[in-house]
């Protein structure tokens, strides 16, 4: 599991045992990661941060950049503390001379530590897509939703950001879900419940 250095207590820290109990049929984990929101319409900033186009995700080593809207992106970095990641992003933006502190955004650039806003869940295993289909209306098949696609949608009536991530155990599809932290326990309960049917042995004829 990814560990966010210096991370505060997350809303799903107490769920680790329940998540582990779903294995091996379903893998589910809450993986804290520093999250930075960048809002900009400045072409220099977009170029400096290599921000992706609409409904796309850009990955580079331990970084991801996720499109949220016409002038908004979510950037994460595995293995960094939130303050370190904010400073890193600010440093890249300031190279172009376009950044002033987030409390005084100018020149079309705004950088904000949003690590506490959303909880990051990673769902994997051979039944991951089927579980999401129970509560999500969009088509998450590989043909319709590729490796670099990202969507903002409802899952069990909770707003989520979702993108594909190959299951690390090699047992099927994997997805990353970002949900508002105030809805994290609700969504975790729903996923565990939806996964239960896949833990039971199928009756033999």
Protein backbone atom coordinates (compact mmCIF):
# COMPACT_ATOMS: atom_id res chain seq x y z
CA UNK A 1 0.00 0.00 0.00
CA UNK A 2 1.22 3.45 -0.82
CA UNK A 3 2.05 5.51 2.24
CA UNK A 4 1.80 9.27 2.37
CA UNK A 5 4.66 10.52 4.49
CA UNK A 6 3.40 12.51 7.43
CA UNK A 7 -0.22 11.85 6.49
CA UNK A 8 -2.98 12.53 9.02
CA UNK A 9 -5.45 9.88 10.13
CA UNK A 10 -7.68 9.08 7.18
CA UNK A 11 -11.42 8.36 7.27
CA UNK A 12 -10.88 4.74 6.22
CA UNK A 13 -7.89 3.80 8.36
CA UNK A 14 -10.09 1.55 10.50
CA UNK A 15 -11.35 -0.33 7.45
CA UNK A 16 -8.12 -2.15 6.59
CA UNK A 17 -9.23 -5.46 8.15
CA UNK A 18 -12.58 -5.40 6.33
CA UNK A 19 -10.86 -4.63 3.05
CA UNK A 20 -8.34 -7.44 3.56
CA UNK A 21 -11.21 -9.83 4.19
CA UNK A 22 -12.37 -9.40 0.58
CA UNK A 23 -9.20 -10.96 -0.83
CA UNK A 24 -8.43 -12.79 -3.01
CA UNK A 25 -11.68 -12.34 -4.95
CA UNK A 26 -11.63 -8.56 -4.57
CA UNK A 27 -8.81 -6.23 -3.67
CA UNK A 28 -9.73 -2.93 -2.03
CA UNK A 29 -7.50 -0.44 -0.24
CA UNK A 30 -7.50 3.15 0.88
CA UNK A 31 -4.21 4.63 -0.31
CA UNK A 32 -3.53 8.16 0.95
CA UNK A 33 -1.60 10.33 -1.47
CA UNK A 34 -0.83 14.07 -1.53
CA UNK A 35 -3.24 15.92 -3.79
CA UNK A 36 -2.70 19.34 -5.32
CA UNK A 37 -5.34 21.22 -7.27
CA UNK A 38 -4.06 23.52 -10.01
CA UNK A 39 -6.35 26.05 -11.62
CA UNK A 40 -4.98 27.89 -14.61
CA UNK A 41 -5.67 29.03 -18.13
CA UNK A 42 -2.05 30.06 -18.63
CA UNK A 43 -0.46 28.18 -21.52
CA UNK A 44 2.98 28.40 -19.91
CA UNK A 45 1.77 26.77 -16.72
CA UNK A 46 -0.07 24.04 -18.64
CA UNK A 47 3.11 23.32 -20.59
CA UNK A 48 5.36 23.44 -17.51
CA UNK A 49 3.20 20.90 -15.67
CA UNK A 50 2.40 18.83 -18.78
CA UNK A 51 -1.30 18.95 -17.93
CA UNK A 52 -3.58 16.56 -19.86
CA UNK A 53 -6.47 17.48 -22.12
CA UNK A 54 -10.18 17.03 -21.37
CA UNK A 55 -11.20 13.77 -19.63
CA UNK A 56 -7.66 12.43 -19.70
CA UNK A 57 -4.97 11.46 -17.21
CA UNK A 58 -1.22 11.85 -17.56
CA UNK A 59 1.15 9.53 -15.67
CA UNK A 60 4.88 9.92 -15.17
CA UNK A 61 6.75 7.68 -12.74
CA UNK A 62 4.99 8.26 -9.37
CA UNK A 63 3.01 11.28 -10.57
CA UNK A 64 -0.44 11.62 -12.02
CA UNK A 65 -2.22 14.66 -13.42
CA UNK A 66 -5.99 14.36 -13.77
CA UNK A 67 -8.20 16.70 -15.77
CA UNK A 68 -11.12 18.02 -13.70
CA UNK A 69 -12.41 20.85 -15.86
CA UNK A 70 -11.45 23.38 -18.54
CA UNK A 71 -9.05 25.15 -16.16
CA UNK A 72 -8.65 22.69 -13.28
CA UNK A 73 -6.46 19.62 -12.65
CA UNK A 74 -5.70 17.28 -9.74
CA UNK A 75 -2.03 16.32 -9.31
CA UNK A 76 -0.81 13.49 -7.06
CA UNK A 77 2.58 12.04 -6.19
CA UNK A 78 3.18 8.73 -4.45
CA UNK A 79 5.69 8.80 -1.60
CA UNK A 80 5.73 12.55 -0.92
CA UNK A 81 4.38 14.53 2.00
CA UNK A 82 1.69 17.06 1.03
CA UNK A 83 3.83 20.11 1.78
CA UNK A 84 6.68 18.69 -0.30
CA UNK A 85 4.41 18.04 -3.27
CA UNK A 86 2.90 21.52 -3.08
CA UNK A 87 6.40 23.03 -3.05
CA UNK A 88 7.42 20.86 -6.00
CA UNK A 89 4.44 21.96 -8.07
CA UNK A 90 4.93 25.59 -7.12
CA UNK A 91 8.56 25.35 -8.12
CA UNK A 92 7.73 24.02 -11.57
CA UNK A 93 5.15 26.73 -12.13
CA UNK A 94 7.38 29.56 -10.90
CA UNK A 95 9.97 28.65 -13.52
CA UNK A 96 7.60 30.24 -16.00
CA UNK A 97 7.15 33.29 -13.78
CA UNK A 98 3.43 32.67 -13.61
CA UNK A 99 2.91 31.72 -9.98
CA UNK A 100 2.13 33.87 -6.97
CA UNK A 101 1.09 32.30 -3.64
CA UNK A 102 -2.22 30.48 -3.74
CA UNK A 103 -3.80 33.13 -1.52
CA UNK A 104 -2.97 35.72 -4.17
CA UNK A 105 -3.47 34.00 -7.53
CA UNK A 106 -2.41 36.09 -10.50
CA UNK A 107 -1.52 35.52 -14.12
CA UNK A 108 -4.01 32.66 -14.27
CA UNK A 109 -2.27 30.25 -11.85
CA UNK A 110 -3.60 28.89 -8.54
CA UNK A 111 -2.07 26.03 -6.54
CA UNK A 112 -3.80 24.49 -3.52
CA UNK A 113 -3.03 21.58 -1.18
CA UNK A 114 -6.24 19.53 -1.42
CA UNK A 115 -4.98 16.35 0.28
CA UNK A 116 -7.77 16.35 2.86
CA UNK A 117 -10.61 16.92 0.42
CA UNK A 118 -10.79 13.50 -1.20
CA UNK A 119 -10.09 9.93 -0.16
CA UNK A 120 -8.36 7.66 -2.66
CA UNK A 121 -9.62 4.08 -3.02
CA UNK A 122 -8.03 1.43 -5.23
CA UNK A 123 -10.33 -1.40 -6.37
CA UNK A 124 -8.97 -4.42 -8.20
CA UNK A 125 -9.46 -8.08 -8.94
CA UNK A 126 -11.42 -9.98 -11.58
CA UNK A 127 -14.75 -8.55 -10.38
CA UNK A 128 -13.79 -4.86 -10.16
CA UNK A 129 -15.70 -3.78 -13.25
CA UNK A 130 -18.75 -5.82 -12.29
CA UNK A 131 -18.82 -4.27 -8.82
CA UNK A 132 -18.73 -0.75 -10.24
CA UNK A 133 -21.50 -1.60 -12.70
CA UNK A 134 -23.83 -2.17 -9.74
CA UNK A 135 -23.81 1.55 -9.00
CA UNK A 136 -22.27 3.41 -11.94
CA UNK A 137 -24.08 4.27 -15.17
CA UNK A 138 -21.08 4.89 -17.43
CA UNK A 139 -19.49 2.18 -19.58
CA UNK A 140 -16.22 1.15 -17.92
CA UNK A 141 -15.31 -1.57 -20.43
CA UNK A 142 -11.76 -1.27 -21.82
CA UNK A 143 -13.16 -0.46 -25.25
CA UNK A 144 -15.09 2.57 -23.95
CA UNK A 145 -12.89 3.60 -21.02
CA UNK A 146 -9.20 3.28 -21.76
CA UNK A 147 -6.05 3.47 -19.68
CA UNK A 148 -5.72 7.25 -20.02
CA UNK A 149 -9.40 8.17 -19.66
CA UNK A 150 -10.85 9.78 -16.54
CA UNK A 151 -14.46 10.46 -15.62
CA UNK A 152 -16.38 12.32 -12.97
CA UNK A 153 -19.56 10.43 -12.28
CA UNK A 154 -21.85 9.02 -9.60
CA UNK A 155 -21.14 5.70 -7.91
CA UNK A 156 -23.97 4.64 -5.60
CA UNK A 157 -25.10 8.29 -5.67
CA UNK A 158 -21.70 9.51 -4.41
CA UNK A 159 -19.69 11.77 -6.66
CA UNK A 160 -16.38 10.18 -7.68
CA UNK A 161 -13.43 10.70 -9.97
CA UNK A 162 -12.50 7.38 -11.57
CA UNK A 163 -9.68 6.20 -13.78
CA UNK A 164 -8.31 2.82 -14.70
CA UNK A 165 -5.24 1.38 -13.01
CA UNK A 166 -4.06 -2.12 -13.84
CA UNK A 167 -4.50 -4.49 -10.92
CA UNK A 168 -1.11 -4.91 -9.29
CA UNK A 169 -1.80 -8.58 -8.60
CA UNK A 170 -2.45 -9.27 -12.27
CA UNK A 171 -5.88 -10.72 -11.54
CA UNK A 172 -8.05 -8.35 -13.58
CA UNK A 173 -9.04 -4.75 -14.03
CA UNK A 174 -8.17 -2.11 -11.48
CA UNK A 175 -9.64 1.33 -10.82
CA UNK A 176 -8.77 4.34 -8.71
CA UNK A 177 -11.67 6.20 -7.11
CA UNK A 178 -11.49 9.63 -5.52
CA UNK A 179 -14.44 10.48 -3.30
CA UNK A 180 -15.08 13.43 -1.01
CA UNK A 181 -13.75 12.41 2.40
CA UNK A 182 -17.12 13.06 4.03
CA UNK A 183 -18.58 10.32 1.78
CA UNK A 184 -15.66 7.89 2.12
CA UNK A 185 -17.20 5.59 4.74
CA UNK A 186 -20.53 5.51 2.91
CA UNK A 187 -18.83 4.49 -0.34
CA UNK A 188 -16.58 1.96 1.38
CA UNK A 189 -19.63 0.33 2.96
CA UNK A 190 -21.36 0.20 -0.42
CA UNK A 191 -18.35 -1.37 -2.17
CA UNK A 192 -17.88 -3.99 0.55
CA UNK A 193 -21.57 -4.87 0.33
CA UNK A 194 -21.48 -5.02 -3.49
CA UNK A 195 -18.39 -7.24 -3.34
CA UNK A 196 -19.94 -9.76 -0.95
CA UNK A 197 -21.66 -11.83 -3.63
CA UNK A 198 -18.30 -12.46 -5.31
CA UNK A 199 -16.85 -13.93 -2.13
CA UNK A 200 -19.41 -16.72 -1.92
CA UNK A 201 -18.80 -20.03 -3.74
CA UNK A 202 -21.08 -20.52 -6.71
CA UNK A 203 -23.49 -23.43 -6.28
CA UNK A 204 -22.79 -26.45 -8.43
CA UNK A 205 -25.52 -27.86 -10.61
